């Protein structure tokens, strides 16, 4: 249901109505996932900027009615105050959840949006795709996001949360099986220490990738 709503131009008003009906907890859980799934930048921005206030307001409404205090957000649909530490923590947590979902589903536009808002990706965000079901399917939806995260701004991956050569080798094998291009394979091997898995490259890669893999192994004294 949430994905259908998020595709509509009037989705903010519809989410406001659902929240007023007591479904704010469901919206908090489902709206960000749906926004990422459909790849809607407008919907993702709404989840980051407006959804916390919307959920907080309606979650606090019963307490206000009982005389327990004021709502967490004053304006319906307005962003939570930037100076509120709890609001900032909530927003960063939501941004992290959206980042993971976007990486898993290959939503590169969403990843770019998050990076533009100051979110720093680490190696753990890449590895989050490894056990996801999309990597087990032929379409391999996460491959574009892996390529983006590793090649677009690889310096981010060196700032913490990194993996060892074994992790990168596992990633190399997975993306090679899904037909990763040569720049991605070379970066994994030459910059991140991933081992070349020749059989996987032969099965999933093109002639250029296979030729490179053979030459690299020969140069390292590991001729097949």
C-alpha atoms as a PDB file:
ATOM      1  CA  UNK A   1       0.000   0.000   0.000  1.00  0.00           C
ATOM      2  CA  UNK A   2       2.730   2.464   0.956  1.00  0.00           C
ATOM      3  CA  UNK A   3       4.507   2.063  -2.396  1.00  0.00           C
ATOM      4  CA  UNK A   4       1.277   2.830  -4.250  1.00  0.00           C
ATOM      5  CA  UNK A   5       0.673   5.928  -2.153  1.00  0.00           C
ATOM      6  CA  UNK A   6       4.228   7.193  -2.549  1.00  0.00           C
ATOM      7  CA  UNK A   7       3.853   7.152  -6.339  1.00  0.00           C
ATOM      8  CA  UNK A   8       1.035   9.696  -6.225  1.00  0.00           C
ATOM      9  CA  UNK A   9       1.629  13.450  -6.463  1.00  0.00           C
ATOM     10  CA  UNK A  10      -0.439  14.057  -3.343  1.00  0.00           C
ATOM     11  CA  UNK A  11       1.344  11.465  -1.205  1.00  0.00           C
ATOM     12  CA  UNK A  12       2.169  13.965   1.615  1.00  0.00           C
ATOM     13  CA  UNK A  13      -1.513  14.664   2.189  1.00  0.00           C
ATOM     14  CA  UNK A  14      -2.360  10.973   2.050  1.00  0.00           C
ATOM     15  CA  UNK A  15       0.359  10.105   4.559  1.00  0.00           C
ATOM     16  CA  UNK A  16      -0.901  12.884   6.826  1.00  0.00           C
ATOM     17  CA  UNK A  17      -4.375  11.353   6.705  1.00  0.00           C
ATOM     18  CA  UNK A  18      -3.082   7.875   7.488  1.00  0.00           C
ATOM     19  CA  UNK A  19      -1.028   9.204  10.389  1.00  0.00           C
ATOM     20  CA  UNK A  20      -4.083  10.936  11.803  1.00  0.00           C
ATOM     21  CA  UNK A  21      -5.861   7.573  11.728  1.00  0.00           C
ATOM     22  CA  UNK A  22      -3.273   6.056  14.051  1.00  0.00           C
ATOM     23  CA  UNK A  23      -1.036   4.467  11.419  1.00  0.00           C
ATOM     24  CA  UNK A  24       2.015   6.620  12.161  1.00  0.00           C
ATOM     25  CA  UNK A  25       4.065   3.633  13.365  1.00  0.00           C
ATOM     26  CA  UNK A  26       3.434   1.770  10.114  1.00  0.00           C
ATOM     27  CA  UNK A  27       4.359   4.835   8.106  1.00  0.00           C
ATOM     28  CA  UNK A  28       7.605   5.236  10.017  1.00  0.00           C
ATOM     29  CA  UNK A  29       8.555   1.682   9.076  1.00  0.00           C
ATOM     30  CA  UNK A  30       7.148   1.363   5.564  1.00  0.00           C
ATOM     31  CA  UNK A  31       7.294   4.810   3.955  1.00  0.00           C
ATOM     32  CA  UNK A  32      11.122   5.030   3.708  1.00  0.00           C
ATOM     33  CA  UNK A  33      11.351   1.484   2.322  1.00  0.00           C
ATOM     34  CA  UNK A  34       8.682   2.249  -0.251  1.00  0.00           C
ATOM     35  CA  UNK A  35      10.309   5.547  -1.226  1.00  0.00           C
ATOM     36  CA  UNK A  36      13.582   3.738  -1.913  1.00  0.00           C
ATOM     37  CA  UNK A  37      11.901   0.832  -3.694  1.00  0.00           C
ATOM     38  CA  UNK A  38      10.269   3.131  -6.243  1.00  0.00           C
ATOM     39  CA  UNK A  39      13.392   5.307  -6.534  1.00  0.00           C
ATOM     40  CA  UNK A  40      11.504   8.535  -5.896  1.00  0.00           C
ATOM     41  CA  UNK A  41      13.796  11.362  -4.808  1.00  0.00           C
ATOM     42  CA  UNK A  42      10.820  13.494  -3.771  1.00  0.00           C
ATOM     43  CA  UNK A  43       9.504  10.689  -1.581  1.00  0.00           C
ATOM     44  CA  UNK A  44      12.914  10.062  -0.008  1.00  0.00           C
ATOM     45  CA  UNK A  45      13.331  13.770   0.730  1.00  0.00           C
ATOM     46  CA  UNK A  46       9.892  13.802   2.333  1.00  0.00           C
ATOM     47  CA  UNK A  47      10.872  10.876   4.553  1.00  0.00           C
ATOM     48  CA  UNK A  48      14.045  12.648   5.638  1.00  0.00           C
ATOM     49  CA  UNK A  49      12.612  16.121   6.159  1.00  0.00           C
ATOM     50  CA  UNK A  50       8.927  15.721   6.958  1.00  0.00           C
ATOM     51  CA  UNK A  51       8.163  12.185   8.106  1.00  0.00           C
ATOM     52  CA  UNK A  52       9.841  12.422  11.541  1.00  0.00           C
ATOM     53  CA  UNK A  53       7.720  15.441  12.434  1.00  0.00           C
ATOM     54  CA  UNK A  54       4.590  13.816  11.065  1.00  0.00           C
ATOM     55  CA  UNK A  55       5.146  10.630  13.038  1.00  0.00           C
ATOM     56  CA  UNK A  56       6.251  12.467  16.163  1.00  0.00           C
ATOM     57  CA  UNK A  57       3.248  14.751  16.136  1.00  0.00           C
ATOM     58  CA  UNK A  58       0.695  11.987  15.915  1.00  0.00           C
ATOM     59  CA  UNK A  59       2.573   9.728  18.315  1.00  0.00           C
ATOM     60  CA  UNK A  60       2.467  12.536  20.889  1.00  0.00           C
ATOM     61  CA  UNK A  61      -1.155  13.473  20.248  1.00  0.00           C
ATOM     62  CA  UNK A  62      -2.645  10.879  22.662  1.00  0.00           C
ATOM     63  CA  UNK A  63      -0.364  12.137  25.449  1.00  0.00           C
ATOM     64  CA  UNK A  64      -1.423  15.714  24.793  1.00  0.00           C
ATOM     65  CA  UNK A  65      -5.052  14.701  24.920  1.00  0.00           C
ATOM     66  CA  UNK A  66      -4.378  13.112  28.310  1.00  0.00           C
ATOM     67  CA  UNK A  67      -2.529  16.203  29.548  1.00  0.00           C
ATOM     68  CA  UNK A  68       0.885  14.572  29.414  1.00  0.00           C
ATOM     69  CA  UNK A  69       2.655  17.307  27.446  1.00  0.00           C
ATOM     70  CA  UNK A  70       3.114  18.981  24.078  1.00  0.00           C
ATOM     71  CA  UNK A  71       3.603  17.197  20.746  1.00  0.00           C
ATOM     72  CA  UNK A  72       7.169  16.585  19.626  1.00  0.00           C
ATOM     73  CA  UNK A  73       6.577  18.662  16.487  1.00  0.00           C
ATOM     74  CA  UNK A  74       4.431  21.723  16.308  1.00  0.00           C
ATOM     75  CA  UNK A  75       3.640  21.976  12.620  1.00  0.00           C
ATOM     76  CA  UNK A  76       1.856  19.236  10.746  1.00  0.00           C
ATOM     77  CA  UNK A  77       4.254  17.892   8.183  1.00  0.00           C
ATOM     78  CA  UNK A  78       6.946  20.387   9.154  1.00  0.00           C
ATOM     79  CA  UNK A  79      10.521  19.279   9.788  1.00  0.00           C
ATOM     80  CA  UNK A  80      11.671  18.658  13.311  1.00  0.00           C
ATOM     81  CA  UNK A  81      13.746  21.442  14.812  1.00  0.00           C
ATOM     82  CA  UNK A  82      17.340  21.167  13.690  1.00  0.00           C
ATOM     83  CA  UNK A  83      18.537  22.001  17.226  1.00  0.00           C
ATOM     84  CA  UNK A  84      16.693  19.028  18.717  1.00  0.00           C
ATOM     85  CA  UNK A  85      19.308  16.286  19.340  1.00  0.00           C
ATOM     86  CA  UNK A  86      16.656  13.574  19.319  1.00  0.00           C
ATOM     87  CA  UNK A  87      15.370  14.835  15.978  1.00  0.00           C
ATOM     88  CA  UNK A  88      18.855  14.869  14.506  1.00  0.00           C
ATOM     89  CA  UNK A  89      19.554  11.354  15.751  1.00  0.00           C
ATOM     90  CA  UNK A  90      16.270  10.153  14.304  1.00  0.00           C
ATOM     91  CA  UNK A  91      17.017  11.725  10.946  1.00  0.00           C
ATOM     92  CA  UNK A  92      20.535  10.250  10.764  1.00  0.00           C
ATOM     93  CA  UNK A  93      19.228   6.843  11.752  1.00  0.00           C
ATOM     94  CA  UNK A  94      16.600   7.054   9.033  1.00  0.00           C
ATOM     95  CA  UNK A  95      19.259   8.211   6.565  1.00  0.00           C
ATOM     96  CA  UNK A  96      21.343   5.159   7.434  1.00  0.00           C
ATOM     97  CA  UNK A  97      18.386   2.832   6.940  1.00  0.00           C
ATOM     98  CA  UNK A  98      17.592   4.454   3.613  1.00  0.00           C
ATOM     99  CA  UNK A  99      21.247   4.168   2.571  1.00  0.00           C
ATOM    100  CA  UNK A 100      21.278   0.439   3.271  1.00  0.00           C
ATOM    101  CA  UNK A 101      18.028  -0.131   1.397  1.00  0.00           C
ATOM    102  CA  UNK A 102      19.210   1.966  -1.552  1.00  0.00           C
ATOM    103  CA  UNK A 103      22.521   0.107  -1.735  1.00  0.00           C
ATOM    104  CA  UNK A 104      20.742  -3.228  -1.693  1.00  0.00           C
ATOM    105  CA  UNK A 105      18.337  -2.229  -4.447  1.00  0.00           C
ATOM    106  CA  UNK A 106      20.712  -0.389  -6.744  1.00  0.00           C
ATOM    107  CA  UNK A 107      19.052   3.009  -6.295  1.00  0.00           C
ATOM    108  CA  UNK A 108      22.067   5.105  -7.243  1.00  0.00           C
ATOM    109  CA  UNK A 109      20.085   8.357  -7.430  1.00  0.00           C
ATOM    110  CA  UNK A 110      19.091   7.915  -3.792  1.00  0.00           C
ATOM    111  CA  UNK A 111      22.715   7.217  -2.826  1.00  0.00           C
ATOM    112  CA  UNK A 112      23.785  10.422  -4.577  1.00  0.00           C
ATOM    113  CA  UNK A 113      21.099  12.349  -2.703  1.00  0.00           C
ATOM    114  CA  UNK A 114      22.322  11.032   0.634  1.00  0.00           C
ATOM    115  CA  UNK A 115      25.946  11.775  -0.207  1.00  0.00           C
ATOM    116  CA  UNK A 116      24.938  15.295  -1.187  1.00  0.00           C
ATOM    117  CA  UNK A 117      23.337  15.690   2.241  1.00  0.00           C
ATOM    118  CA  UNK A 118      26.564  14.766   3.973  1.00  0.00           C
ATOM    119  CA  UNK A 119      26.069  11.061   4.532  1.00  0.00           C
ATOM    120  CA  UNK A 120      29.434   9.267   4.394  1.00  0.00           C
ATOM    121  CA  UNK A 121      29.439   5.747   3.014  1.00  0.00           C
ATOM    122  CA  UNK A 122      31.849   3.127   4.292  1.00  0.00           C
ATOM    123  CA  UNK A 123      32.864  -0.329   3.247  1.00  0.00           C
ATOM    124  CA  UNK A 124      30.160  -1.781   5.491  1.00  0.00           C
ATOM    125  CA  UNK A 125      27.545  -0.162   3.237  1.00  0.00           C
ATOM    126  CA  UNK A 126      28.987  -2.083   0.296  1.00  0.00           C
ATOM    127  CA  UNK A 127      29.177  -5.353   2.217  1.00  0.00           C
ATOM    128  CA  UNK A 128      25.536  -4.941   3.260  1.00  0.00           C
ATOM    129  CA  UNK A 129      24.625  -6.012  -0.268  1.00  0.00           C
ATOM    130  CA  UNK A 130      26.489  -9.325  -0.089  1.00  0.00           C
ATOM    131  CA  UNK A 131      23.839 -11.423   1.601  1.00  0.00           C
ATOM    132  CA  UNK A 132      20.873  -9.675   0.071  1.00  0.00           C
ATOM    133  CA  UNK A 133      18.535 -11.744  -2.036  1.00  0.00           C
ATOM    134  CA  UNK A 134      19.074  -9.542  -5.107  1.00  0.00           C
ATOM    135  CA  UNK A 135      22.608 -10.878  -5.371  1.00  0.00           C
ATOM    136  CA  UNK A 136      21.129 -14.350  -5.618  1.00  0.00           C
ATOM    137  CA  UNK A 137      18.891 -13.348  -8.494  1.00  0.00           C
ATOM    138  CA  UNK A 138      19.927 -12.991 -12.105  1.00  0.00           C
ATOM    139  CA  UNK A 139      19.050  -9.308 -12.260  1.00  0.00           C
ATOM    140  CA  UNK A 140      21.512  -8.443  -9.432  1.00  0.00           C
ATOM    141  CA  UNK A 141      19.915  -5.117  -8.596  1.00  0.00           C
ATOM    142  CA  UNK A 142      22.655  -4.169  -6.154  1.00  0.00           C
ATOM    143  CA  UNK A 143      25.477  -4.213  -8.716  1.00  0.00           C
ATOM    144  CA  UNK A 144      24.991  -0.576  -9.849  1.00  0.00           C
ATOM    145  CA  UNK A 145      25.157   0.655  -6.260  1.00  0.00           C
ATOM    146  CA  UNK A 146      28.280  -1.398  -5.554  1.00  0.00           C
ATOM    147  CA  UNK A 147      29.926   0.160  -8.587  1.00  0.00           C
ATOM    148  CA  UNK A 148      28.832   3.649  -7.549  1.00  0.00           C
ATOM    149  CA  UNK A 149      29.982   3.336  -3.943  1.00  0.00           C
ATOM    150  CA  UNK A 150      33.383   1.918  -4.854  1.00  0.00           C
ATOM    151  CA  UNK A 151      34.264   3.995  -7.913  1.00  0.00           C
ATOM    152  CA  UNK A 152      32.486   7.352  -7.536  1.00  0.00           C
ATOM    153  CA  UNK A 153      34.188   8.441  -4.335  1.00  0.00           C
ATOM    154  CA  UNK A 154      36.390   5.602  -3.098  1.00  0.00           C
ATOM    155  CA  UNK A 155      38.036   7.819  -0.469  1.00  0.00           C
ATOM    156  CA  UNK A 156      34.909   7.390   1.666  1.00  0.00           C
ATOM    157  CA  UNK A 157      35.590   3.683   1.954  1.00  0.00           C
ATOM    158  CA  UNK A 158      38.923   4.332   3.650  1.00  0.00           C
ATOM    159  CA  UNK A 159      37.475   6.400   6.514  1.00  0.00           C
ATOM    160  CA  UNK A 160      36.284   3.566   8.712  1.00  0.00           C
ATOM    161  CA  UNK A 161      34.158   0.470   8.711  1.00  0.00           C
ATOM    162  CA  UNK A 162      36.466  -1.100   6.156  1.00  0.00           C
ATOM    163  CA  UNK A 163      36.941  -4.734   5.399  1.00  0.00           C
ATOM    164  CA  UNK A 164      39.938  -6.964   4.954  1.00  0.00           C
ATOM    165  CA  UNK A 165      41.118  -8.554   1.722  1.00  0.00           C
ATOM    166  CA  UNK A 166      38.910 -11.554   2.347  1.00  0.00           C
ATOM    167  CA  UNK A 167      35.797  -9.397   2.407  1.00  0.00           C
ATOM    168  CA  UNK A 168      36.790  -7.666  -0.807  1.00  0.00           C
ATOM    169  CA  UNK A 169      37.628 -11.015  -2.384  1.00  0.00           C
ATOM    170  CA  UNK A 170      34.140 -12.265  -1.594  1.00  0.00           C
ATOM    171  CA  UNK A 171      32.687  -9.125  -3.123  1.00  0.00           C
ATOM    172  CA  UNK A 172      34.921  -9.553  -6.199  1.00  0.00           C
ATOM    173  CA  UNK A 173      33.585 -13.064  -6.707  1.00  0.00           C
ATOM    174  CA  UNK A 174      29.964 -11.959  -6.338  1.00  0.00           C
ATOM    175  CA  UNK A 175      30.132  -9.004  -8.718  1.00  0.00           C
ATOM    176  CA  UNK A 176      32.274 -10.880 -11.247  1.00  0.00           C
ATOM    177  CA  UNK A 177      29.602 -13.567 -11.392  1.00  0.00           C
ATOM    178  CA  UNK A 178      27.055 -10.877 -12.241  1.00  0.00           C
ATOM    179  CA  UNK A 179      29.105  -9.414 -15.076  1.00  0.00           C
ATOM    180  CA  UNK A 180      30.868  -6.501 -13.374  1.00  0.00           C
ATOM    181  CA  UNK A 181      32.871  -4.348 -15.779  1.00  0.00           C
ATOM    182  CA  UNK A 182      36.646  -4.166 -15.858  1.00  0.00           C
ATOM    183  CA  UNK A 183      37.092  -0.849 -13.956  1.00  0.00           C
ATOM    184  CA  UNK A 184      35.236  -2.251 -10.958  1.00  0.00           C
ATOM    185  CA  UNK A 185      37.152  -5.532 -11.000  1.00  0.00           C
ATOM    186  CA  UNK A 186      40.495  -3.771 -11.355  1.00  0.00           C
ATOM    187  CA  UNK A 187      39.747  -1.399  -8.482  1.00  0.00           C
ATOM    188  CA  UNK A 188      38.741  -4.250  -6.202  1.00  0.00           C
ATOM    189  CA  UNK A 189      41.934  -6.121  -6.988  1.00  0.00           C
ATOM    190  CA  UNK A 190      44.488  -3.343  -7.329  1.00  0.00           C
ATOM    191  CA  UNK A 191      43.245  -0.865  -4.716  1.00  0.00           C
ATOM    192  CA  UNK A 192      41.429  -3.035  -2.175  1.00  0.00           C
ATOM    193  CA  UNK A 193      43.434  -6.249  -2.336  1.00  0.00           C
ATOM    194  CA  UNK A 194      40.723  -8.570  -3.603  1.00  0.00           C
ATOM    195  CA  UNK A 195      41.913 -11.875  -5.000  1.00  0.00           C
ATOM    196  CA  UNK A 196      41.078 -12.617  -8.634  1.00  0.00           C
ATOM    197  CA  UNK A 197      38.709 -15.534  -9.032  1.00  0.00           C
ATOM    198  CA  UNK A 198      39.399 -16.553 -12.609  1.00  0.00           C
ATOM    199  CA  UNK A 199      36.624 -19.116 -12.976  1.00  0.00           C
ATOM    200  CA  UNK A 200      34.016 -16.579 -11.876  1.00  0.00           C
ATOM    201  CA  UNK A 201      35.347 -13.941 -14.244  1.00  0.00           C
ATOM    202  CA  UNK A 202      35.277 -16.481 -17.076  1.00  0.00           C
ATOM    203  CA  UNK A 203      31.666 -17.333 -16.358  1.00  0.00           C
ATOM    204  CA  UNK A 204      30.267 -13.872 -15.777  1.00  0.00           C
ATOM    205  CA  UNK A 205      32.605 -11.373 -17.419  1.00  0.00           C
ATOM    206  CA  UNK A 206      33.378 -10.329 -20.927  1.00  0.00           C
ATOM    207  CA  UNK A 207      36.466 -11.028 -23.007  1.00  0.00           C
ATOM    208  CA  UNK A 208      38.198  -7.845 -21.827  1.00  0.00           C
ATOM    209  CA  UNK A 209      37.754  -8.731 -18.154  1.00  0.00           C
ATOM    210  CA  UNK A 210      38.923 -12.287 -18.734  1.00  0.00           C
ATOM    211  CA  UNK A 211      42.022 -11.169 -20.620  1.00  0.00           C
ATOM    212  CA  UNK A 212      42.899  -8.773 -17.813  1.00  0.00           C
ATOM    213  CA  UNK A 213      42.368 -11.421 -15.141  1.00  0.00           C
ATOM    214  CA  UNK A 214      44.655 -13.899 -16.900  1.00  0.00           C
ATOM    215  CA  UNK A 215      47.366 -11.264 -17.465  1.00  0.00           C
ATOM    216  CA  UNK A 216      47.162 -10.074 -13.835  1.00  0.00           C
ATOM    217  CA  UNK A 217      47.533 -13.604 -12.506  1.00  0.00           C
ATOM    218  CA  UNK A 218      50.447 -14.298 -14.818  1.00  0.00           C
ATOM    219  CA  UNK A 219      52.173 -11.078 -13.720  1.00  0.00           C
ATOM    220  CA  UNK A 220      51.774 -12.159 -10.098  1.00  0.00           C
ATOM    221  CA  UNK A 221      53.274 -15.572 -10.832  1.00  0.00           C
ATOM    222  CA  UNK A 222      49.887 -17.257 -10.451  1.00  0.00           C
ATOM    223  CA  UNK A 223      49.360 -18.334 -14.039  1.00  0.00           C
ATOM    224  CA  UNK A 224      46.277 -20.520 -14.407  1.00  0.00           C
END
